[in-house]
Protein backbone atom coordinates (compact mmCIF):
# COMPACT_ATOMS: atom_id res chain seq x y z
CA MET A 1 14.01 -33.25 -24.14
CA ASP A 2 16.26 -34.97 -21.56
CA LYS A 3 18.09 -38.25 -22.10
CA ASN A 4 15.58 -40.33 -20.13
CA ASN A 5 12.64 -39.13 -22.25
CA LYS A 6 14.58 -39.81 -25.45
CA ARG A 7 15.36 -43.30 -24.20
CA ILE A 8 11.68 -44.04 -23.45
CA ILE A 9 10.54 -42.77 -26.87
CA GLY A 10 13.25 -44.79 -28.59
CA MET A 11 12.18 -47.90 -26.68
CA LEU A 12 8.53 -47.41 -27.77
CA ARG A 13 9.61 -47.05 -31.39
CA ARG A 14 11.72 -50.18 -31.27
CA ASN A 15 8.94 -52.21 -29.61
CA LEU A 16 6.37 -51.14 -32.22
CA LEU A 17 8.76 -51.81 -35.11
CA ILE A 18 9.70 -55.26 -33.80
CA LYS A 19 6.05 -56.23 -33.27
CA LEU A 20 5.11 -54.94 -36.74
CA ILE A 21 7.88 -56.94 -38.44
CA LEU A 22 7.05 -60.12 -36.50
CA THR A 23 3.34 -59.79 -37.31
CA LEU A 24 4.03 -59.27 -41.03
CA VAL A 25 6.45 -62.22 -41.16
CA LEU A 26 4.03 -64.59 -39.39
CA TYR A 27 1.13 -63.43 -41.53
CA THR A 28 3.15 -63.84 -44.74
CA ILE A 29 4.27 -67.34 -43.74
CA SER A 30 0.69 -68.34 -43.00
CA ALA A 31 -0.52 -67.43 -46.55
CA PRO A 32 1.07 -70.43 -48.40
CA PHE A 33 -0.22 -72.86 -45.77
CA LEU A 34 -3.73 -71.49 -46.12
CA TYR A 35 -3.40 -71.71 -49.92
CA VAL A 36 -2.39 -75.40 -49.75
CA ALA A 37 -5.15 -76.14 -47.22
CA ALA A 38 -7.80 -74.48 -49.42
CA THR A 39 -6.62 -76.33 -52.55
CA THR A 40 -6.69 -79.65 -50.69
CA ILE A 41 -10.24 -79.07 -49.44
CA PHE A 42 -11.48 -78.14 -52.91
CA SER A 43 -9.88 -81.31 -54.37
CA MET A 44 -11.71 -83.40 -51.77
CA PHE A 45 -15.00 -81.84 -52.82
CA ILE A 46 -14.25 -82.56 -56.50
CA TRP A 47 -13.56 -86.27 -55.84
CA GLN A 48 -16.73 -86.73 -53.82
CA GLY A 49 -18.77 -86.68 -57.08
CA ASP A 50 -21.58 -84.48 -55.76
CA GLU A 51 -22.77 -82.24 -58.62
CA PHE A 52 -23.28 -79.11 -56.48
CA LEU A 53 -20.09 -79.53 -54.48
CA TYR A 54 -18.22 -80.34 -57.64
CA ARG A 55 -19.29 -77.12 -59.36
CA LEU A 56 -18.66 -75.07 -56.17
CA ALA A 57 -15.19 -76.54 -55.77
CA ILE A 58 -14.37 -75.86 -59.43
CA TRP A 59 -15.57 -72.26 -59.04
CA MET A 60 -13.55 -71.68 -55.88
CA SER A 61 -10.45 -73.39 -57.20
CA GLN A 62 -10.47 -71.05 -60.18
CA ARG A 63 -10.47 -68.07 -57.77
CA VAL A 64 -8.15 -69.32 -55.06
CA ASP A 65 -5.29 -67.17 -56.35
CA LEU A 66 -7.42 -64.04 -56.16
CA MET A 67 -8.55 -65.05 -52.68
CA ALA A 68 -4.92 -65.50 -51.58
CA ILE A 69 -3.99 -62.10 -52.96
CA GLY A 70 -7.01 -60.55 -51.19
CA TYR A 71 -6.04 -62.32 -47.98
CA ILE A 72 -2.50 -60.92 -48.11
CA VAL A 73 -3.43 -57.40 -49.20
CA GLY A 74 -6.34 -57.18 -46.77
CA GLY A 75 -4.26 -58.55 -43.91
CA TYR A 76 -1.38 -56.17 -44.59
CA THR A 77 -3.83 -53.28 -44.70
CA ILE A 78 -5.42 -54.21 -41.36
CA ILE A 79 -2.00 -54.72 -39.73
CA GLY A 80 -0.74 -51.41 -41.11
CA VAL A 81 -3.77 -49.48 -39.90
CA TYR A 82 -3.52 -51.12 -36.46
CA TYR A 83 0.14 -50.29 -35.92
CA PHE A 84 -0.21 -46.84 -37.49
CA SER A 85 -2.97 -46.00 -34.99
CA LYS A 86 -1.00 -47.39 -32.03
CA PRO A 87 1.06 -44.20 -31.39
CA PHE A 88 -2.17 -42.19 -31.36
CA SER A 89 -3.56 -44.62 -28.80
CA TYR A 90 -0.43 -44.09 -26.69
CA LEU A 91 -0.78 -40.33 -27.08
CA SER A 92 -4.42 -40.47 -25.98
CA GLU A 93 -3.49 -42.41 -22.82
CA VAL A 94 -0.63 -40.04 -22.02
CA LEU A 95 -2.90 -36.98 -22.47
CA ASP A 96 -5.48 -38.52 -20.15
CA GLY A 97 -2.71 -39.23 -17.65
CA ALA A 98 -1.46 -35.63 -17.92
CA GLU A 99 -4.93 -34.37 -17.05
CA SER A 100 -5.01 -36.71 -14.06
CA ILE A 101 -1.79 -35.17 -12.70
CA TYR A 102 -3.54 -31.88 -11.99
CA ARG A 103 -6.76 -33.34 -10.64
CA GLN A 104 -7.21 -32.88 -6.90
CA ASP A 105 -7.28 -36.57 -6.03
CA GLU A 106 -4.91 -39.25 -4.83
CA GLU A 107 -5.78 -41.82 -7.54
CA LEU A 108 -2.69 -43.03 -9.37
CA ILE A 109 -2.42 -43.14 -13.16
CA ALA A 110 -2.82 -46.59 -14.75
CA PHE A 111 -2.16 -47.11 -18.47
CA SER A 112 -3.67 -50.10 -20.26
CA SER A 113 -0.55 -50.63 -22.40
CA SER A 114 2.44 -52.28 -20.73
CA ASN A 115 4.73 -50.37 -23.11
CA LEU A 116 3.90 -47.18 -21.21
CA SER A 117 4.92 -48.54 -17.81
CA GLN A 118 7.95 -46.25 -17.46
CA ILE A 119 5.95 -43.18 -18.49
CA GLU A 120 3.24 -44.26 -16.05
CA SER A 121 5.80 -44.50 -13.26
CA GLN A 122 7.26 -41.06 -14.05
CA MET A 123 3.83 -39.40 -14.23
CA ASN A 124 2.74 -40.98 -10.94
CA GLN A 125 5.94 -39.75 -9.31
CA LEU A 126 5.26 -36.28 -10.69
CA LYS A 127 1.69 -36.37 -9.40
CA LEU A 128 2.75 -37.48 -5.92
CA THR A 129 5.45 -34.78 -5.81
CA LEU A 130 2.97 -32.15 -6.96
CA ARG A 131 0.42 -33.20 -4.32
CA SER A 132 3.14 -33.13 -1.65
CA ASN A 133 4.34 -29.67 -2.73
CA GLN A 134 0.78 -28.36 -2.78
CA ARG A 135 0.13 -29.65 0.73
CA ALA A 136 3.42 -28.15 1.95
CA ALA A 137 2.61 -24.80 0.31
CA GLN A 138 -0.87 -24.78 1.82
CA GLU A 139 0.53 -25.63 5.24
CA ALA A 140 3.20 -22.90 4.94
CA GLU A 141 0.59 -20.38 3.81
CA LYS A 142 -1.65 -21.36 6.72
CA ARG A 143 1.20 -20.97 9.21
CA LYS A 144 2.15 -17.65 7.65
CA ASN A 145 -1.41 -16.31 7.85
CA GLU A 146 -1.71 -17.44 11.46
CA LEU A 147 1.63 -15.85 12.25
CA VAL A 148 0.65 -12.53 10.66
CA ALA A 149 -2.59 -12.61 12.63
CA TYR A 150 -0.64 -13.24 15.85
CA LEU A 151 1.83 -10.46 15.08
CA ALA A 152 -0.94 -8.00 14.25
CA HIS A 153 -2.61 -8.84 17.56
CA ASP A 154 0.68 -8.61 19.46
CA LEU A 155 1.37 -5.14 18.04
CA LYS A 156 -1.53 -3.73 20.04
CA THR A 157 -0.06 -4.62 23.44
CA PRO A 158 3.23 -2.66 23.26
CA ILE A 159 1.56 0.26 21.49
CA THR A 160 -1.06 0.48 24.23
CA SER A 161 1.61 0.34 26.94
CA VAL A 162 3.83 2.97 25.29
CA ILE A 163 0.90 5.35 24.79
CA GLY A 164 -0.33 4.75 28.34
CA TYR A 165 2.98 5.42 30.11
CA LEU A 166 3.86 8.38 27.90
CA THR A 167 0.42 9.83 28.66
CA LEU A 168 1.10 9.48 32.38
CA LEU A 169 4.44 11.24 31.97
CA HIS A 170 2.75 13.99 29.98
CA ASP A 171 -0.19 14.50 32.33
CA GLU A 172 1.48 14.10 35.74
CA LYS A 173 3.61 17.19 36.17
CA GLU A 174 4.78 16.47 39.71
CA ILE A 175 5.79 12.83 39.15
CA SER A 176 8.79 11.64 41.18
CA TYR A 177 12.15 10.94 39.57
CA ASN A 178 12.07 7.21 40.41
CA LEU A 179 8.55 6.80 39.02
CA ARG A 180 9.51 8.76 35.89
CA GLN A 181 12.51 6.48 35.33
CA ARG A 182 10.31 3.43 35.82
CA TYR A 183 7.75 4.66 33.29
CA LEU A 184 10.50 5.52 30.81
CA SER A 185 12.12 2.09 31.26
CA ILE A 186 8.82 0.29 30.64
CA SER A 187 8.08 2.47 27.61
CA LEU A 188 11.53 1.76 26.19
CA ASP A 189 11.11 -2.01 26.66
CA LYS A 190 7.71 -1.96 24.95
CA ALA A 191 9.04 0.23 22.12
CA GLN A 192 11.89 -2.24 21.56
CA ARG A 193 9.40 -5.13 21.48
CA LEU A 194 7.32 -3.16 18.98
CA ASP A 195 10.43 -2.69 16.84
CA ASP A 196 11.10 -6.45 16.95
CA LEU A 197 7.55 -7.20 15.79
CA ILE A 198 7.78 -4.73 12.92
CA ASN A 199 11.10 -6.28 11.88
CA GLU A 200 9.37 -9.67 11.79
CA PHE A 201 6.86 -8.28 9.30
CA PHE A 202 9.71 -7.04 7.11
CA GLU A 203 11.44 -10.42 7.46
CA ILE A 204 8.37 -12.22 6.10
CA THR A 205 8.14 -9.78 3.18
CA ARG A 206 11.84 -10.06 2.31
CA PHE A 207 11.74 -13.84 2.43
CA ASN A 208 8.89 -14.04 -0.08
CA LEU A 209 9.92 -11.24 -2.45
CA SER A 210 13.62 -11.94 -2.94
CA ASN A 211 16.01 -14.78 -3.57
CA ILE A 212 19.16 -14.94 -1.50
CA SER A 213 22.33 -14.37 -3.52
CA LEU A 214 25.91 -14.46 -2.24
CA GLU A 215 28.77 -11.95 -2.55
CA TYR A 216 31.99 -13.79 -1.72
CA SER A 217 35.10 -12.45 -0.02
CA ARG A 218 37.75 -13.78 2.35
CA ILE A 219 37.19 -13.13 6.06
CA ASN A 220 38.77 -13.99 9.37
CA LEU A 221 36.15 -16.36 10.81
CA THR A 222 37.73 -16.25 14.27
CA ARG A 223 37.40 -12.46 14.45
CA MET A 224 33.77 -12.67 13.24
CA LEU A 225 32.85 -15.04 16.08
CA GLU A 226 34.69 -12.92 18.66
CA GLN A 227 32.85 -9.81 17.46
CA LEU A 228 29.56 -11.71 17.66
CA LEU A 229 30.14 -12.59 21.31
CA PHE A 230 31.02 -8.98 22.14
CA GLU A 231 27.76 -7.72 20.59
CA PHE A 232 25.70 -10.26 22.55
CA LYS A 233 27.11 -9.39 25.98
CA PRO A 234 24.07 -7.31 27.04
CA MET A 235 21.66 -10.15 26.08
CA LEU A 236 23.82 -12.68 27.91
CA THR A 237 23.97 -10.48 31.02
CA ASP A 238 20.17 -10.08 31.12
CA LYS A 239 19.76 -13.86 31.61
CA ASN A 240 22.96 -14.28 33.61
CA LEU A 241 24.42 -16.48 30.85
CA THR A 242 28.04 -17.03 29.93
CA CYS A 243 29.40 -17.90 26.51
CA ARG A 244 32.63 -19.77 25.85
CA LEU A 245 34.33 -19.68 22.43
CA ASP A 246 36.87 -22.36 21.48
CA CYS A 247 38.45 -21.92 18.06
CA PRO A 248 41.85 -21.72 16.36
CA ALA A 249 43.38 -18.31 15.74
CA ASP A 250 42.90 -16.56 12.40
CA VAL A 251 40.81 -19.10 10.49
CA VAL A 252 40.27 -17.73 6.96
CA LEU A 253 36.98 -18.53 5.21
CA TYR A 254 35.81 -17.71 1.67
CA CYS A 255 32.15 -16.76 2.05
CA ASP A 256 29.53 -14.02 2.03
CA PRO A 257 30.34 -12.27 5.35
CA GLY A 258 27.01 -10.47 5.72
CA LYS A 259 24.91 -13.57 5.09
CA LEU A 260 27.06 -15.75 7.33
CA GLN A 261 26.94 -13.14 10.09
CA ARG A 262 23.15 -13.42 9.88
CA VAL A 263 23.34 -17.21 10.36
CA PHE A 264 25.60 -17.02 13.42
CA ASP A 265 23.56 -14.17 14.88
CA ASN A 266 20.41 -16.26 14.57
CA LEU A 267 21.98 -19.37 16.10
CA LEU A 268 23.37 -17.46 19.09
CA ARG A 269 20.11 -15.51 19.55
CA ASN A 270 18.17 -18.79 19.65
CA ALA A 271 20.67 -20.18 22.14
CA VAL A 272 20.14 -17.16 24.41
CA ASN A 273 16.34 -17.20 24.07
CA TYR A 274 15.98 -20.92 24.81
CA SER A 275 18.68 -21.33 27.48
CA TYR A 276 18.03 -21.84 31.15
CA PRO A 277 19.24 -18.87 33.25
CA ASP A 278 22.68 -19.22 34.84
CA THR A 279 23.96 -21.67 32.22
CA GLU A 280 26.80 -21.59 29.69
CA ILE A 281 26.61 -21.46 25.89
CA GLN A 282 29.48 -23.13 24.07
CA ILE A 283 30.66 -22.23 20.57
CA SER A 284 33.47 -24.29 19.07
CA LEU A 285 35.25 -24.24 15.72
CA THR A 286 37.36 -27.11 14.42
CA LEU A 287 38.97 -27.72 11.04
CA ASP A 288 38.47 -31.02 9.25
CA GLU A 289 40.48 -31.26 6.01
CA ASN A 290 38.92 -28.53 3.83
CA LYS A 291 35.89 -27.89 6.05
CA ALA A 292 35.13 -25.76 9.06
CA HIS A 293 32.93 -27.39 11.70
CA LEU A 294 31.09 -24.99 13.99
CA VAL A 295 29.06 -26.20 16.98
CA PHE A 296 26.58 -24.10 18.98
CA VAL A 297 25.49 -25.75 22.24
CA ASN A 298 23.12 -24.41 24.88
CA HIS A 299 21.24 -25.92 27.83
CA GLY A 300 17.44 -25.70 27.85
CA THR A 301 14.27 -27.72 27.45
CA THR A 302 14.89 -30.80 25.28
CA ILE A 303 13.39 -30.44 21.80
CA SER A 304 11.35 -33.45 20.74
CA ALA A 305 12.24 -35.45 17.62
CA GLU A 306 9.01 -34.30 15.94
CA LYS A 307 9.91 -30.62 16.43
CA LEU A 308 13.52 -31.19 15.39
CA ALA A 309 12.29 -32.65 12.09
CA ARG A 310 10.48 -29.37 11.35
CA ILE A 311 12.84 -26.88 12.97
CA PHE A 312 14.18 -25.60 9.61
CA GLU A 313 10.73 -25.15 8.03
CA GLN A 314 9.48 -21.70 7.07
CA PHE A 315 7.34 -19.99 9.76
CA TYR A 316 7.76 -22.89 12.18
CA ARG A 317 8.09 -21.79 15.79
CA LEU A 318 9.13 -23.97 18.71
CA ASP A 319 6.88 -21.89 20.98
CA SER A 320 3.80 -22.25 18.76
CA SER A 321 1.53 -21.09 21.57
CA ARG A 322 3.12 -17.63 21.33
CA THR A 323 3.79 -17.59 25.06
CA SER A 324 7.39 -16.49 24.53
CA ALA A 325 7.92 -12.78 24.10
CA SER A 326 11.27 -13.46 22.46
CA GLY A 327 9.94 -15.76 19.74
CA GLY A 328 10.47 -14.65 16.14
CA ALA A 329 8.59 -15.17 12.91
CA GLY A 330 9.90 -18.69 12.47
CA LEU A 331 12.06 -17.72 9.49
CA GLY A 332 15.49 -17.42 11.07
CA LEU A 333 16.49 -21.08 10.87
CA ALA A 334 14.86 -21.55 7.46
CA ILE A 335 16.92 -18.67 6.06
CA ALA A 336 20.02 -19.88 7.90
CA LYS A 337 19.69 -23.31 6.29
CA GLU A 338 19.30 -21.76 2.84
CA ILE A 339 22.37 -19.56 3.33
CA ILE A 340 24.51 -22.46 4.57
CA GLU A 341 23.43 -24.69 1.66
CA LEU A 342 24.17 -21.88 -0.83
CA HIS A 343 27.71 -21.98 0.59
CA ASN A 344 27.74 -25.74 -0.23
CA GLY A 345 27.63 -26.52 3.46
CA SER A 346 25.15 -28.20 5.81
CA ILE A 347 23.42 -27.51 9.12
CA THR A 348 21.77 -30.00 11.51
CA ALA A 349 20.11 -29.83 14.91
CA THR A 350 20.10 -32.38 17.75
CA SER A 351 18.69 -32.30 21.27
CA GLN A 352 18.88 -34.66 24.24
CA GLU A 353 19.11 -34.44 28.01
CA GLU A 354 18.26 -30.72 28.11
CA THR A 355 20.97 -29.88 25.60
CA ILE A 356 20.42 -28.32 22.17
CA GLN A 357 23.18 -28.49 19.57
CA PHE A 358 23.51 -27.03 16.07
CA ASP A 359 26.30 -28.33 13.81
CA VAL A 360 27.38 -26.22 10.83
CA PHE A 361 29.79 -27.49 8.17
CA LEU A 362 31.30 -25.00 5.70
CA PRO A 363 33.95 -25.46 2.99
CA LEU A 364 36.98 -23.26 3.65
CA LYS A 365 37.42 -22.41 -0.06
């Protein structure tokens, strides 16, 4: 039981105890006044001289002590039973509220007792959070199912092309060298696209079946970024892009190199995929006290605020229409964000005036 729950239970106990004591004190004080009032009334009846009233008053006056005792004992019993049953009444309301949490409705919990206001607030917050999480899970599952359906459909196109061109190469014995090279080039491109699609399937499976854990070591962050640029040269050349790296020499970072390499690879790949041809991608690294600040900037279609708000969601794709052949499963940025946050860092995205920028902050130690 956490401290907040203990505090609420302690408050309920104190409130019940205080109310019980006050009720008993007030009830006990009222007994003598009622005794005096009853005695006075009986005396008035006696002095009126009426035979019947006189005898009734004498009879009641002889039993007023017993009536007072009965009043006190009976009252204490009723008060005790009432306050003893109060916790069970609270428990009944809380159980009803707990059932309401899991009902598929938006109706908030309302307790009749004001003493349960804090519990009511907590349970309503839990219900709202649960509803929100359920909606998010359903939306993610829907996007995932749609994505798998798209990928399964997309697999047919490269397979058909590869089989078709390889069949031509197999059947046409006298094919020219130039035509053979063209068929082989197309088959290779389609086979590479098929490999990308299969990797996306594996990416979805890995994301759902495993939790990301880190294995720390010290690396030269500058060398990692330089190596990254070298590996991306063919992709940059295909779109006639250039990439400029500005960073201090030999920056040492304590991190999981493999996981961080995956983050930077994803950010640069997105920059290449969504850049206008013949533009420059800028990567900069600056040091701010005990943090490294990395910035990835490319020039392409401005991303709307609505899309930026969802850009780190699982299975969310900027090109939701699937018109881009380079689009991935929509997991890259979601995984990147998780990796950066596991390193106690942060990642944000901004876009304006046909410029897209990702800012990554990482602690150096």
